[in-house]
Amino acid sequence: MAERSLDWLKQAEKDLEKARLDLDWGYFEWACFTSQQAAEKAIKGVFQHLHGEAWGHGTKALLENLPYEDRSLLLEDGIFLDKLYIPTRYPNGLPQGIPHDYFTKKDAELALTAALRIYEWCKGKISKPG
């Protein structure tokens, strides 16, 4: 299998751009979800860089399976983003109403900040020899 870490990282970067647009446009639920997606893809890029494979969508679990001690600094960000994976998209992930009714600008800003921290960390790992 070809090593495609930069492809994963570039898509994570595009997802971050989309999250910023969703934040600006007031689609806070989508900014949260897209931030989670950006972090997930950046982490999967690190796995590719290490010639490994990653499965699943849990950013905390993905981070925990990387062989870097400093990954522990990002686990809280991963936990926060994991909580956004389902309820940002599906009404049945919430007690009533729709995701748009539940996610705020502050949620979106926190999600984007968490995703950016993970993205920058991953970018640093990929830019170094594996």
N, C-alpha and C. Protein backbone atom coordinates (compact mmCIF):
# COMPACT_ATOMS: atom_id res chain seq x y z
N MET A 1 0.85 -1.18 0.00
CA MET A 1 0.00 0.00 0.00
C MET A 1 0.90 1.25 0.00
N ALA A 2 0.56 2.20 -0.84
CA ALA A 2 1.33 3.43 -0.94
C ALA A 2 1.17 4.27 0.33
N GLU A 3 2.23 4.93 0.69
CA GLU A 3 2.21 5.82 1.87
C GLU A 3 1.57 7.14 1.45
N ARG A 4 0.45 7.49 2.07
CA ARG A 4 -0.33 8.66 1.66
C ARG A 4 -0.57 9.62 2.81
N SER A 5 0.37 9.75 3.70
CA SER A 5 0.18 10.62 4.87
C SER A 5 -0.12 12.06 4.49
N LEU A 6 0.54 12.55 3.45
CA LEU A 6 0.30 13.94 3.05
C LEU A 6 -1.10 14.14 2.49
N ASP A 7 -1.65 13.12 1.84
CA ASP A 7 -3.03 13.21 1.36
C ASP A 7 -4.00 13.33 2.54
N TRP A 8 -3.79 12.52 3.56
CA TRP A 8 -4.64 12.60 4.75
C TRP A 8 -4.51 13.97 5.41
N LEU A 9 -3.29 14.45 5.50
CA LEU A 9 -3.06 15.75 6.14
C LEU A 9 -3.69 16.89 5.32
N LYS A 10 -3.57 16.83 4.01
CA LYS A 10 -4.17 17.86 3.16
C LYS A 10 -5.69 17.86 3.27
N GLN A 11 -6.29 16.67 3.34
CA GLN A 11 -7.75 16.63 3.50
C GLN A 11 -8.15 17.16 4.86
N ALA A 12 -7.36 16.87 5.88
CA ALA A 12 -7.63 17.42 7.22
C ALA A 12 -7.61 18.95 7.16
N GLU A 13 -6.66 19.49 6.42
CA GLU A 13 -6.56 20.94 6.27
C GLU A 13 -7.81 21.51 5.58
N LYS A 14 -8.28 20.82 4.53
CA LYS A 14 -9.50 21.27 3.85
C LYS A 14 -10.71 21.18 4.79
N ASP A 15 -10.76 20.13 5.61
CA ASP A 15 -11.85 20.00 6.58
C ASP A 15 -11.81 21.16 7.58
N LEU A 16 -10.62 21.56 8.00
CA LEU A 16 -10.50 22.71 8.90
C LEU A 16 -11.00 23.98 8.23
N GLU A 17 -10.70 24.15 6.96
CA GLU A 17 -11.22 25.31 6.22
C GLU A 17 -12.74 25.29 6.22
N LYS A 18 -13.33 24.12 5.97
CA LYS A 18 -14.78 24.00 5.94
C LYS A 18 -15.37 24.27 7.32
N ALA A 19 -14.72 23.80 8.37
CA ALA A 19 -15.20 24.06 9.73
C ALA A 19 -15.22 25.56 10.01
N ARG A 20 -14.19 26.27 9.54
CA ARG A 20 -14.16 27.74 9.73
C ARG A 20 -15.33 28.40 8.99
N LEU A 21 -15.60 27.94 7.77
CA LEU A 21 -16.72 28.49 7.02
C LEU A 21 -18.05 28.21 7.73
N ASP A 22 -18.22 26.98 8.19
CA ASP A 22 -19.45 26.64 8.92
C ASP A 22 -19.60 27.51 10.17
N LEU A 23 -18.51 27.77 10.86
CA LEU A 23 -18.54 28.65 12.02
C LEU A 23 -18.99 30.05 11.60
N ASP A 24 -18.40 30.56 10.56
CA ASP A 24 -18.76 31.90 10.07
C ASP A 24 -20.21 31.97 9.62
N TRP A 25 -20.72 30.92 9.02
CA TRP A 25 -22.07 30.90 8.48
C TRP A 25 -23.14 30.54 9.52
N GLY A 26 -22.70 30.16 10.72
CA GLY A 26 -23.67 29.82 11.77
C GLY A 26 -24.14 28.38 11.77
N TYR A 27 -23.46 27.53 11.02
CA TYR A 27 -23.75 26.09 11.05
C TYR A 27 -22.85 25.45 12.10
N PHE A 28 -23.15 25.75 13.35
CA PHE A 28 -22.25 25.36 14.44
C PHE A 28 -22.16 23.85 14.61
N GLU A 29 -23.26 23.14 14.38
CA GLU A 29 -23.22 21.68 14.49
C GLU A 29 -22.26 21.10 13.45
N TRP A 30 -22.27 21.65 12.25
CA TRP A 30 -21.38 21.15 11.20
C TRP A 30 -19.94 21.58 11.43
N ALA A 31 -19.74 22.74 12.00
CA ALA A 31 -18.38 23.15 12.36
C ALA A 31 -17.80 22.18 13.38
N CYS A 32 -18.63 21.75 14.32
CA CYS A 32 -18.17 20.78 15.33
C CYS A 32 -17.83 19.44 14.68
N PHE A 33 -18.74 18.94 13.85
CA PHE A 33 -18.51 17.64 13.22
C PHE A 33 -17.30 17.68 12.29
N THR A 34 -17.19 18.73 11.49
CA THR A 34 -16.08 18.81 10.54
C THR A 34 -14.76 18.97 11.27
N SER A 35 -14.77 19.61 12.41
CA SER A 35 -13.55 19.69 13.23
C SER A 35 -13.13 18.31 13.69
N GLN A 36 -14.10 17.51 14.11
CA GLN A 36 -13.79 16.14 14.52
C GLN A 36 -13.20 15.37 13.34
N GLN A 37 -13.78 15.55 12.17
CA GLN A 37 -13.29 14.85 10.99
C GLN A 37 -11.87 15.27 10.64
N ALA A 38 -11.58 16.54 10.76
CA ALA A 38 -10.22 17.04 10.48
C ALA A 38 -9.21 16.39 11.40
N ALA A 39 -9.54 16.32 12.68
CA ALA A 39 -8.61 15.71 13.64
C ALA A 39 -8.42 14.23 13.33
N GLU A 40 -9.51 13.54 13.06
CA GLU A 40 -9.44 12.11 12.73
C GLU A 40 -8.54 11.86 11.53
N LYS A 41 -8.71 12.65 10.49
CA LYS A 41 -7.92 12.46 9.26
C LYS A 41 -6.46 12.81 9.48
N ALA A 42 -6.18 13.83 10.27
CA ALA A 42 -4.79 14.17 10.56
C ALA A 42 -4.11 13.03 11.31
N ILE A 43 -4.81 12.45 12.28
CA ILE A 43 -4.25 11.33 13.05
C ILE A 43 -4.01 10.13 12.13
N LYS A 44 -4.95 9.86 11.25
CA LYS A 44 -4.79 8.75 10.32
C LYS A 44 -3.61 9.00 9.37
N GLY A 45 -3.32 10.26 9.11
CA GLY A 45 -2.13 10.59 8.34
C GLY A 45 -0.85 10.18 9.06
N VAL A 46 -0.84 10.34 10.37
CA VAL A 46 0.33 9.92 11.15
C VAL A 46 0.49 8.41 11.07
N PHE A 47 -0.61 7.68 11.18
CA PHE A 47 -0.53 6.23 11.02
C PHE A 47 0.06 5.86 9.66
N GLN A 48 -0.38 6.53 8.61
CA GLN A 48 0.16 6.29 7.27
C GLN A 48 1.66 6.58 7.24
N HIS A 49 2.06 7.68 7.86
CA HIS A 49 3.47 8.06 7.90
C HIS A 49 4.32 6.96 8.56
N LEU A 50 3.72 6.31 9.53
CA LEU A 50 4.42 5.23 10.25
C LEU A 50 4.23 3.87 9.56
N HIS A 51 3.63 3.88 8.36
CA HIS A 51 3.36 2.67 7.60
C HIS A 51 2.41 1.73 8.33
N GLY A 52 1.47 2.34 9.05
CA GLY A 52 0.45 1.57 9.75
C GLY A 52 -0.91 1.88 9.18
N GLU A 53 -1.91 1.23 9.72
CA GLU A 53 -3.28 1.47 9.32
C GLU A 53 -4.10 1.78 10.55
N ALA A 54 -5.05 2.66 10.38
CA ALA A 54 -5.92 3.03 11.49
C ALA A 54 -7.36 2.82 11.07
N TRP A 55 -8.14 2.25 11.97
CA TRP A 55 -9.55 2.03 11.71
C TRP A 55 -10.36 2.65 12.83
N GLY A 56 -11.54 3.06 12.50
CA GLY A 56 -12.44 3.65 13.49
C GLY A 56 -12.44 5.16 13.40
N HIS A 57 -13.30 5.74 14.22
CA HIS A 57 -13.50 7.18 14.17
C HIS A 57 -13.19 7.88 15.48
N GLY A 58 -12.85 7.14 16.50
CA GLY A 58 -12.57 7.73 17.81
C GLY A 58 -11.19 8.36 17.86
N THR A 59 -11.14 9.68 17.96
CA THR A 59 -9.85 10.35 17.96
C THR A 59 -9.03 10.02 19.21
N LYS A 60 -9.69 9.87 20.34
CA LYS A 60 -8.96 9.49 21.57
C LYS A 60 -8.30 8.13 21.38
N ALA A 61 -9.06 7.15 20.92
CA ALA A 61 -8.52 5.80 20.73
C ALA A 61 -7.41 5.79 19.69
N LEU A 62 -7.60 6.53 18.61
CA LEU A 62 -6.56 6.60 17.59
C LEU A 62 -5.27 7.19 18.18
N LEU A 63 -5.41 8.28 18.92
CA LEU A 63 -4.23 8.89 19.54
C LEU A 63 -3.54 7.92 20.49
N GLU A 64 -4.33 7.20 21.27
CA GLU A 64 -3.75 6.26 22.25
C GLU A 64 -2.94 5.15 21.58
N ASN A 65 -3.24 4.87 20.33
CA ASN A 65 -2.53 3.80 19.63
C ASN A 65 -1.31 4.28 18.86
N LEU A 66 -0.97 5.54 19.00
CA LEU A 66 0.24 6.05 18.37
C LEU A 66 1.42 5.89 19.33
N PRO A 67 2.62 5.66 18.81
CA PRO A 67 3.78 5.38 19.66
C PRO A 67 4.54 6.62 20.14
N TYR A 68 3.83 7.69 20.42
CA TYR A 68 4.47 8.93 20.87
C TYR A 68 3.99 9.27 22.27
N GLU A 69 4.93 9.52 23.16
CA GLU A 69 4.57 9.87 24.54
C GLU A 69 3.80 11.19 24.61
N ASP A 70 4.19 12.17 23.79
CA ASP A 70 3.56 13.49 23.89
C ASP A 70 2.13 13.52 23.37
N ARG A 71 1.63 12.40 22.83
CA ARG A 71 0.24 12.34 22.38
C ARG A 71 -0.72 12.52 23.53
N SER A 72 -0.28 12.21 24.74
CA SER A 72 -1.15 12.33 25.90
C SER A 72 -1.61 13.77 26.13
N LEU A 73 -0.86 14.73 25.61
CA LEU A 73 -1.25 16.13 25.74
C LEU A 73 -2.52 16.44 24.94
N LEU A 74 -2.87 15.56 24.00
CA LEU A 74 -4.01 15.80 23.12
C LEU A 74 -5.22 14.95 23.45
N LEU A 75 -5.11 14.08 24.43
CA LEU A 75 -6.21 13.15 24.71
C LEU A 75 -7.50 13.87 25.10
N GLU A 76 -7.40 14.95 25.87
CA GLU A 76 -8.62 15.69 26.23
C GLU A 76 -9.28 16.30 25.00
N ASP A 77 -8.47 16.78 24.07
CA ASP A 77 -9.03 17.28 22.81
C ASP A 77 -9.74 16.16 22.07
N GLY A 78 -9.13 14.98 22.04
CA GLY A 78 -9.76 13.83 21.39
C GLY A 78 -11.07 13.44 22.04
N ILE A 79 -11.10 13.44 23.35
CA ILE A 79 -12.33 13.10 24.08
C ILE A 79 -13.43 14.11 23.74
N PHE A 80 -13.09 15.39 23.77
CA PHE A 80 -14.06 16.43 23.44
C PHE A 80 -14.61 16.24 22.03
N LEU A 81 -13.73 16.02 21.06
CA LEU A 81 -14.16 15.86 19.67
C LEU A 81 -14.99 14.60 19.47
N ASP A 82 -14.64 13.53 20.17
CA ASP A 82 -15.41 12.28 20.04
C ASP A 82 -16.87 12.48 20.44
N LYS A 83 -17.12 13.34 21.39
CA LYS A 83 -18.49 13.61 21.84
C LYS A 83 -19.32 14.31 20.77
N LEU A 84 -18.66 14.83 19.74
CA LEU A 84 -19.35 15.57 18.69
C LEU A 84 -19.63 14.72 17.46
N TYR A 85 -19.18 13.50 17.45
CA TYR A 85 -19.24 12.68 16.24
C TYR A 85 -20.67 12.34 15.81
N ILE A 86 -21.54 11.97 16.73
CA ILE A 86 -22.90 11.56 16.37
C ILE A 86 -23.94 12.66 16.60
N PRO A 87 -24.00 13.28 17.77
CA PRO A 87 -25.11 14.20 18.02
C PRO A 87 -25.10 15.47 17.17
N THR A 88 -23.99 15.77 16.53
CA THR A 88 -23.95 16.94 15.65
C THR A 88 -24.69 16.69 14.34
N ARG A 89 -24.99 15.42 14.05
CA ARG A 89 -25.57 15.08 12.74
C ARG A 89 -26.96 14.47 12.80
N TYR A 90 -27.31 13.84 13.91
CA TYR A 90 -28.54 13.05 13.93
C TYR A 90 -29.48 13.50 15.05
N PRO A 91 -30.74 13.78 14.71
CA PRO A 91 -31.69 14.16 15.76
C PRO A 91 -31.86 13.11 16.85
N ASN A 92 -31.73 11.83 16.51
CA ASN A 92 -31.91 10.80 17.53
C ASN A 92 -30.71 10.68 18.47
N GLY A 93 -29.69 11.50 18.26
CA GLY A 93 -28.58 11.56 19.21
C GLY A 93 -28.83 12.56 20.32
N LEU A 94 -30.01 13.17 20.30
CA LEU A 94 -30.39 14.20 21.27
C LEU A 94 -31.78 13.90 21.82
N PRO A 95 -32.12 14.45 22.99
CA PRO A 95 -33.42 14.14 23.58
C PRO A 95 -34.61 14.64 22.76
N GLN A 96 -34.46 15.74 22.06
CA GLN A 96 -35.51 16.28 21.19
C GLN A 96 -34.91 17.33 20.29
N GLY A 97 -35.64 17.76 19.30
CA GLY A 97 -35.15 18.80 18.40
C GLY A 97 -34.11 18.28 17.43
N ILE A 98 -33.38 19.21 16.85
CA ILE A 98 -32.36 18.88 15.86
C ILE A 98 -31.00 19.38 16.32
N PRO A 99 -29.93 18.84 15.77
CA PRO A 99 -28.60 19.26 16.18
C PRO A 99 -28.37 20.77 16.10
N HIS A 100 -28.95 21.40 15.10
CA HIS A 100 -28.77 22.85 14.95
C HIS A 100 -29.24 23.62 16.19
N ASP A 101 -30.21 23.06 16.92
CA ASP A 101 -30.74 23.71 18.12
C ASP A 101 -29.82 23.59 19.32
N TYR A 102 -28.85 22.69 19.27
CA TYR A 102 -28.06 22.36 20.45
C TYR A 102 -26.62 22.86 20.44
N PHE A 103 -26.06 23.10 19.29
CA PHE A 103 -24.64 23.44 19.21
C PHE A 103 -24.48 24.94 19.00
N THR A 104 -23.59 25.52 19.79
CA THR A 104 -23.42 26.97 19.84
C THR A 104 -22.12 27.41 19.18
N LYS A 105 -22.01 28.69 19.02
CA LYS A 105 -20.78 29.26 18.47
C LYS A 105 -19.59 28.89 19.35
N LYS A 106 -19.78 28.93 20.66
CA LYS A 106 -18.69 28.55 21.57
C LYS A 106 -18.29 27.09 21.37
N ASP A 107 -19.27 26.20 21.21
CA ASP A 107 -18.96 24.78 20.94
C ASP A 107 -18.10 24.67 19.68
N ALA A 108 -18.52 25.37 18.64
CA ALA A 108 -17.80 25.31 17.36
C ALA A 108 -16.38 25.86 17.49
N GLU A 109 -16.23 26.94 18.23
CA GLU A 109 -14.90 27.52 18.43
C GLU A 109 -14.00 26.57 19.21
N LEU A 110 -14.55 25.95 20.25
CA LEU A 110 -13.77 24.98 21.03
C LEU A 110 -13.38 23.76 20.19
N ALA A 111 -14.31 23.30 19.37
CA ALA A 111 -14.03 22.15 18.50
C ALA A 111 -12.94 22.48 17.50
N LEU A 112 -13.03 23.65 16.90
CA LEU A 112 -12.03 24.05 15.92
C LEU A 112 -10.66 24.20 16.58
N THR A 113 -10.62 24.75 17.77
CA THR A 113 -9.36 24.90 18.49
C THR A 113 -8.74 23.54 18.82
N ALA A 114 -9.57 22.61 19.28
CA ALA A 114 -9.09 21.26 19.60
C ALA A 114 -8.56 20.57 18.34
N ALA A 115 -9.30 20.69 17.25
CA ALA A 115 -8.88 20.06 16.00
C ALA A 115 -7.59 20.68 15.48
N LEU A 116 -7.45 21.97 15.60
CA LEU A 116 -6.21 22.64 15.17
C LEU A 116 -5.00 22.17 15.96
N ARG A 117 -5.18 21.98 17.28
CA ARG A 117 -4.06 21.47 18.10
C ARG A 117 -3.64 20.09 17.62
N ILE A 118 -4.63 19.23 17.38
CA ILE A 118 -4.32 17.88 16.90
C ILE A 118 -3.68 17.94 15.52
N TYR A 119 -4.25 18.73 14.63
CA TYR A 119 -3.71 18.86 13.28
C TYR A 119 -2.25 19.33 13.31
N GLU A 120 -1.95 20.36 14.08
CA GLU A 120 -0.57 20.88 14.13
C GLU A 120 0.39 19.84 14.70
N TRP A 121 -0.04 19.10 15.70
CA TRP A 121 0.79 18.05 16.27
C TRP A 121 1.07 16.98 15.21
N CYS A 122 0.02 16.57 14.52
CA CYS A 122 0.17 15.54 13.47
C CYS A 122 1.08 16.05 12.34
N LYS A 123 0.88 17.27 11.95
CA LYS A 123 1.71 17.86 10.89
C LYS A 123 3.19 17.82 11.30
N GLY A 124 3.46 18.10 12.56
CA GLY A 124 4.83 18.03 13.06
C GLY A 124 5.41 16.63 13.01
N LYS A 125 4.59 15.64 13.30
CA LYS A 125 5.06 14.24 13.26
C LYS A 125 5.30 13.79 11.82
N ILE A 126 4.45 14.20 10.91
CA ILE A 126 4.58 13.77 9.52
C ILE A 126 5.76 14.45 8.85
N SER A 127 6.09 15.65 9.25
CA SER A 127 7.19 16.37 8.62
C SER A 127 8.56 15.85 9.05
N LYS A 128 8.57 14.96 10.05
CA LYS A 128 9.83 14.34 10.51
C LYS A 128 9.95 12.96 9.89
N PRO A 129 11.15 12.46 9.69
CA PRO A 129 11.31 11.10 9.18
C PRO A 129 10.63 10.08 10.09
N GLY A 130 9.96 9.09 9.49
CA GLY A 130 9.20 8.09 10.25
C GLY A 130 10.08 7.04 10.80
